[in-house]
Amino acid sequence: MLKSMTGFSRVEMERNGRKMFLEARSLNSRFLEVNIRIPKLDYMVEKELRDLVKGYVRRGRVEISLRSEKASPPAGLPRINEDVLRSYLEMARVLRETYGIEGTLRLEHLLSLKDILVYEEEEVLEDTWLFDGFRRLLEALDMERIKEGRVIERGLKDRLERIDRLLKEIEERSHVSPREFGERLKEKIIRLVGTVDEARCLQEVCLFMERVDIAEEISRLKGHLANFRGTVEEPSCSGRKLDFIVQEMLREANTIAAKSQDLFINERVVEIKVEIEKMREEVQNVE
């Protein structure tokens, strides 16, 4: 079963008057990268969350963000933010002593300044609720990646079938090509000399067959196609393995093209290479 490395999921949860919004986005990457953006997250909790992500994702860049808010305005009593207050008083002193600016800083001025009064509010989310939200988010992300993986799998199988048909045509043609070469060779000798030395002509045909024999390459390419199909059907299909098989398929196709001197075969090799290149692009998105 194929899984795409790209996907998106969003989860919204509400509990005890607080709402939590979680979003996950996965992108292509050679290795697993996890980026969690959650305010006031304890190091150990973050490590556990990362381990949770690894249970769902093996490869790719995963970005997770969280936002929480109260369903109603905070009802707690205000308190003085002493650090901010001291900063304002220090700025007033600098303005008076350094720049000679006169004036009196009154209570009503201080109360109107930003962040002088703050409300006590617990921003740290309860761990059990946070982990529950993460699991729901990752499960939704997993379903999206599986759904996209099915689309990729159908496309890859269609390309495999087309390569099979082209390879069958090449194999059939490879048996005819040496015979046609022998016939053309005889015709050319007759035009030039008038007679044909059958033994010499047979020797040339044998040498030609040795140079252009692609039976081994066809057999190996068939093996790579079968290996690719088997890998796709594995429960935990690896994108890296598929990418390696595709490279081997392309190598065999290039060798066939280099050895063949038959236009019919070369045209079909070009079509096979086009399909393989498209497959290579698609498997880059497989986990």
Protein backbone atom coordinates (compact mmCIF):
# COMPACT_ATOMS: atom_id res chain seq x y z
CA MET A 1 0.00 0.00 0.00
CA LEU A 2 1.36 3.36 -1.06
CA LYS A 3 1.27 6.46 1.13
CA SER A 4 1.86 9.90 -0.27
CA MET A 5 4.25 12.18 1.60
CA THR A 6 1.91 15.14 1.08
CA GLY A 7 -1.32 15.72 2.97
CA PHE A 8 -3.28 18.11 5.16
CA SER A 9 -5.60 17.67 8.15
CA ARG A 10 -7.38 19.92 10.64
CA VAL A 11 -9.04 19.07 13.96
CA GLU A 12 -11.17 21.29 16.19
CA MET A 13 -11.98 20.26 19.77
CA GLU A 14 -13.78 21.91 22.68
CA ARG A 15 -13.56 21.11 26.37
CA ASN A 16 -14.48 22.99 29.59
CA GLY A 17 -15.05 26.24 27.76
CA ARG A 18 -11.77 26.09 25.82
CA LYS A 19 -11.36 25.42 22.10
CA MET A 20 -8.31 23.81 20.50
CA PHE A 21 -7.50 24.05 16.80
CA LEU A 22 -4.85 21.69 15.38
CA GLU A 23 -3.48 21.67 11.84
CA ALA A 24 -1.01 19.27 10.22
CA ARG A 25 0.70 19.58 6.87
CA SER A 26 3.10 17.01 5.40
CA LEU A 27 5.49 17.74 2.55
CA ASN A 28 8.16 15.92 0.54
CA SER A 29 11.52 15.34 2.20
CA ARG A 30 14.24 12.72 1.97
CA PHE A 31 14.12 12.17 5.73
CA LEU A 32 11.63 12.62 8.56
CA GLU A 33 11.44 16.21 9.82
CA VAL A 34 8.92 17.19 12.50
CA ASN A 35 8.17 20.82 13.30
CA ILE A 36 5.70 21.41 16.18
CA ARG A 37 4.52 24.95 16.90
CA ILE A 38 2.68 24.97 20.23
CA PRO A 39 2.96 27.78 22.80
CA LYS A 40 4.36 26.95 26.26
CA LEU A 41 5.17 23.34 25.37
CA ASP A 42 7.20 21.38 27.89
CA TYR A 43 10.32 19.69 26.45
CA MET A 44 9.34 16.19 27.59
CA VAL A 45 5.81 16.62 26.27
CA GLU A 46 7.22 17.79 22.93
CA LYS A 47 9.45 14.71 22.77
CA GLU A 48 6.45 12.44 23.40
CA LEU A 49 4.48 14.25 20.70
CA ARG A 50 7.36 13.79 18.25
CA ASP A 51 7.46 10.08 19.07
CA LEU A 52 3.72 9.96 18.43
CA VAL A 53 4.22 11.51 14.98
CA LYS A 54 6.88 8.89 14.17
CA GLY A 55 4.27 6.20 14.75
CA TYR A 56 2.29 7.55 11.78
CA VAL A 57 4.94 9.05 9.48
CA ARG A 58 8.20 7.44 8.36
CA ARG A 59 9.46 10.01 5.84
CA GLY A 60 8.61 13.60 4.94
CA ARG A 61 8.42 17.03 6.52
CA VAL A 62 5.55 17.33 9.01
CA GLU A 63 4.46 20.74 10.29
CA ILE A 64 1.95 20.85 13.15
CA SER A 65 0.48 24.00 14.68
CA LEU A 66 -1.91 24.53 17.56
CA ARG A 67 -4.08 27.43 18.61
CA SER A 68 -6.35 27.52 21.65
CA GLU A 69 -8.80 30.05 22.97
CA LYS A 70 -11.41 30.50 25.65
CA ALA A 71 -15.02 30.22 24.55
CA SER A 72 -15.74 33.34 26.70
CA PRO A 73 -13.54 36.23 27.95
CA PRO A 74 -11.45 35.43 31.02
CA ALA A 75 -13.29 36.08 34.27
CA GLY A 76 -10.21 36.15 36.54
CA LEU A 77 -9.10 39.21 38.52
CA PRO A 78 -6.51 41.50 36.95
CA ARG A 79 -3.01 41.81 38.35
CA ILE A 80 -0.22 44.31 37.84
CA ASN A 81 2.47 43.26 35.41
CA GLU A 82 5.39 44.53 37.49
CA ASP A 83 8.05 43.95 34.84
CA VAL A 84 6.17 46.08 32.31
CA LEU A 85 5.45 48.75 34.94
CA ARG A 86 9.15 49.04 35.84
CA SER A 87 10.02 49.35 32.16
CA TYR A 88 7.61 52.24 31.69
CA LEU A 89 8.94 54.02 34.83
CA GLU A 90 12.51 53.60 33.61
CA MET A 91 11.61 55.06 30.22
CA ALA A 92 9.95 58.03 31.96
CA ARG A 93 13.14 58.62 33.99
CA VAL A 94 15.33 58.51 30.85
CA LEU A 95 13.04 60.96 29.04
CA ARG A 96 13.18 63.38 32.02
CA GLU A 97 16.91 63.16 32.90
CA THR A 98 18.45 62.64 29.46
CA TYR A 99 16.18 64.62 27.22
CA GLY A 100 14.85 67.18 29.73
CA ILE A 101 11.21 66.42 29.02
CA GLU A 102 9.04 67.71 31.85
CA GLY A 103 5.77 66.33 33.05
CA THR A 104 4.14 64.21 35.71
CA LEU A 105 3.33 60.54 35.28
CA ARG A 106 -0.04 60.03 36.96
CA LEU A 107 -2.00 56.90 37.86
CA GLU A 108 -4.53 57.35 35.08
CA HIS A 109 -1.64 57.51 32.61
CA LEU A 110 -0.19 54.25 33.86
CA LEU A 111 -3.52 52.41 33.80
CA SER A 112 -4.01 53.39 30.15
CA LEU A 113 -0.67 51.94 29.08
CA LYS A 114 -0.61 48.62 27.28
CA ASP A 115 -0.04 45.41 29.31
CA ILE A 116 0.10 47.16 32.70
CA LEU A 117 -2.85 45.03 33.83
CA VAL A 118 -3.03 41.37 32.84
CA TYR A 119 -5.43 38.56 33.62
CA GLU A 120 -4.24 35.33 35.12
CA GLU A 121 -5.13 32.56 32.73
CA GLU A 122 -3.78 29.05 32.46
CA GLU A 123 -2.51 28.60 28.92
CA VAL A 124 -0.96 25.16 29.33
CA LEU A 125 -3.25 22.55 27.86
CA GLU A 126 -3.99 19.36 29.73
CA ASP A 127 -1.67 16.63 28.42
CA THR A 128 -4.35 13.96 27.94
CA TRP A 129 -6.49 16.35 25.89
CA LEU A 130 -3.50 17.48 23.86
CA PHE A 131 -2.44 13.90 23.04
CA ASP A 132 -6.01 12.96 22.15
CA GLY A 133 -6.13 15.88 19.71
CA PHE A 134 -2.76 14.90 18.23
CA ARG A 135 -3.92 11.32 17.62
CA ARG A 136 -7.08 12.47 15.89
CA LEU A 137 -5.05 14.92 13.80
CA LEU A 138 -2.46 12.32 12.75
CA GLU A 139 -5.12 9.72 11.94
CA ALA A 140 -6.88 12.23 9.69
CA LEU A 141 -3.55 13.11 8.05
CA ASP A 142 -2.81 9.42 7.53
CA MET A 143 -6.15 8.89 5.77
CA GLU A 144 -5.43 11.80 3.42
CA ARG A 145 -1.98 10.42 2.59
CA ILE A 146 -3.42 6.95 1.94
CA LYS A 147 -6.10 8.45 -0.31
CA GLU A 148 -3.51 10.29 -2.37
CA GLY A 149 -1.32 7.17 -2.37
CA ARG A 150 -4.12 5.21 -4.10
CA VAL A 151 -4.16 7.78 -6.91
CA ILE A 152 -0.38 7.46 -7.32
CA GLU A 153 -0.64 3.66 -7.29
CA ARG A 154 -3.23 3.60 -10.07
CA GLY A 155 -1.06 5.85 -12.19
CA LEU A 156 2.03 3.70 -11.64
CA LYS A 157 0.18 0.48 -12.53
CA ASP A 158 -1.11 2.02 -15.75
CA ARG A 159 2.45 2.93 -16.72
CA LEU A 160 3.67 -0.58 -15.88
CA GLU A 161 1.06 -2.08 -18.20
CA ARG A 162 2.12 0.23 -21.01
CA ILE A 163 5.79 -0.70 -20.49
CA ASP A 164 4.80 -4.39 -20.57
CA ARG A 165 3.10 -3.95 -23.94
CA LEU A 166 6.04 -2.03 -25.41
CA LEU A 167 8.55 -4.55 -24.07
CA LYS A 168 6.58 -7.41 -25.60
CA GLU A 169 6.73 -5.66 -29.00
CA ILE A 170 10.49 -5.15 -28.58
CA GLU A 171 11.02 -8.80 -27.68
CA GLU A 172 9.07 -9.99 -30.73
CA ARG A 173 10.95 -7.60 -32.97
CA SER A 174 14.35 -8.61 -31.58
CA HIS A 175 13.93 -12.10 -33.13
CA VAL A 176 13.08 -10.67 -36.57
CA SER A 177 15.82 -8.03 -36.71
CA PRO A 178 18.83 -10.39 -37.27
CA ARG A 179 16.98 -12.22 -40.05
CA GLU A 180 16.21 -8.94 -41.79
CA PHE A 181 19.84 -7.90 -41.38
CA GLY A 182 20.94 -11.15 -43.11
CA GLU A 183 18.54 -10.59 -45.99
CA ARG A 184 19.67 -6.98 -46.47
CA LEU A 185 23.31 -8.09 -46.32
CA LYS A 186 22.73 -10.69 -49.05
CA GLU A 187 20.97 -8.17 -51.27
CA LYS A 188 23.83 -5.69 -50.87
CA ILE A 189 26.48 -8.34 -51.67
CA ILE A 190 24.57 -9.49 -54.75
CA ARG A 191 24.32 -5.92 -56.02
CA LEU A 192 28.06 -5.38 -55.52
CA VAL A 193 29.54 -8.81 -56.37
CA GLY A 194 26.83 -10.82 -58.01
CA THR A 195 27.23 -13.90 -55.79
CA VAL A 196 26.89 -14.67 -52.07
CA ASP A 197 29.26 -16.63 -49.85
CA GLU A 198 26.70 -18.24 -47.52
CA ALA A 199 29.27 -19.15 -44.85
CA ARG A 200 30.71 -15.63 -44.79
CA CYS A 201 27.23 -14.14 -44.74
CA LEU A 202 26.21 -16.40 -41.82
CA GLN A 203 29.34 -15.34 -39.92
CA GLU A 204 28.44 -11.66 -40.33
CA VAL A 205 24.89 -12.33 -39.15
CA CYS A 206 26.24 -14.12 -36.05
CA LEU A 207 28.53 -11.20 -35.27
CA PHE A 208 25.61 -8.82 -35.71
CA MET A 209 23.44 -10.90 -33.39
CA GLU A 210 26.15 -10.88 -30.74
CA ARG A 211 26.43 -7.08 -30.88
CA VAL A 212 22.70 -6.37 -30.76
CA ASP A 213 21.50 -9.21 -28.53
CA ILE A 214 19.17 -7.61 -25.96
CA ALA A 215 17.60 -10.78 -24.56
CA GLU A 216 19.40 -10.41 -21.23
CA GLU A 217 18.42 -6.76 -20.85
CA ILE A 218 14.78 -7.57 -21.67
CA SER A 219 14.81 -10.35 -19.07
CA ARG A 220 16.27 -8.05 -16.40
CA LEU A 221 13.80 -5.29 -17.21
CA LYS A 222 10.95 -7.78 -16.84
CA GLY A 223 12.39 -8.75 -13.46
CA HIS A 224 12.48 -5.11 -12.35
CA LEU A 225 8.86 -4.65 -13.43
CA ALA A 226 7.82 -7.67 -11.37
CA ASN A 227 9.85 -6.44 -8.41
CA PHE A 228 8.18 -3.03 -8.67
CA ARG A 229 4.72 -4.59 -8.67
CA GLY A 230 5.56 -6.74 -5.67
CA THR A 231 6.93 -3.77 -3.73
CA VAL A 232 3.79 -1.73 -4.42
CA GLU A 233 1.69 -4.54 -2.92
CA GLU A 234 3.73 -4.71 0.28
CA PRO A 235 1.86 -3.56 3.45
CA SER A 236 4.50 -0.90 4.15
CA CYS A 237 5.75 0.08 0.72
CA SER A 238 8.99 2.08 0.69
CA GLY A 239 9.35 5.04 -1.66
CA ARG A 240 13.14 4.74 -1.48
CA LYS A 241 12.99 1.12 -2.73
CA LEU A 242 10.66 2.07 -5.57
CA ASP A 243 13.02 4.88 -6.57
CA PHE A 244 15.95 2.43 -6.66
CA ILE A 245 13.99 -0.05 -8.83
CA VAL A 246 13.02 2.74 -11.24
CA GLN A 247 16.71 3.67 -11.63
CA GLU A 248 17.53 0.05 -12.49
CA MET A 249 14.68 -0.03 -15.03
CA LEU A 250 16.04 3.09 -16.70
CA ARG A 251 19.54 1.58 -16.83
CA GLU A 252 18.28 -1.50 -18.70
CA ALA A 253 16.25 0.64 -21.11
CA ASN A 254 19.32 2.75 -21.88
CA THR A 255 21.38 -0.38 -22.55
CA ILE A 256 18.73 -1.72 -24.96
CA ALA A 257 18.75 1.61 -26.79
CA ALA A 258 22.56 1.59 -27.00
CA LYS A 259 22.75 -1.96 -28.38
CA SER A 260 19.83 -1.91 -30.78
CA GLN A 261 20.21 -0.72 -34.36
CA ASP A 262 16.57 -1.24 -35.20
CA LEU A 263 14.36 1.85 -35.59
CA PHE A 264 11.21 0.00 -34.49
CA ILE A 265 12.88 -1.10 -31.24
CA ASN A 266 14.46 2.28 -30.56
CA GLU A 267 11.17 4.11 -30.98
CA ARG A 268 9.56 1.86 -28.37
CA VAL A 269 12.54 2.22 -26.04
CA VAL A 270 12.04 5.99 -26.16
CA GLU A 271 8.39 5.50 -25.13
CA ILE A 272 9.46 3.19 -22.30
CA LYS A 273 11.98 5.74 -21.03
CA VAL A 274 9.30 8.43 -21.05
CA GLU A 275 7.05 6.21 -18.91
CA ILE A 276 9.92 5.38 -16.54
CA GLU A 277 10.80 9.07 -16.10
CA LYS A 278 7.18 9.82 -15.23
CA MET A 279 7.22 6.94 -12.75
CA ARG A 280 10.36 8.36 -11.15
CA GLU A 281 8.61 11.70 -10.64
CA GLU A 282 5.63 9.97 -9.04
CA VAL A 283 7.59 7.76 -6.64
CA GLN A 284 9.38 10.88 -5.34
CA ASN A 285 6.11 11.60 -3.54
CA VAL A 286 5.82 8.13 -1.95
CA GLU A 287 6.72 7.80 1.73
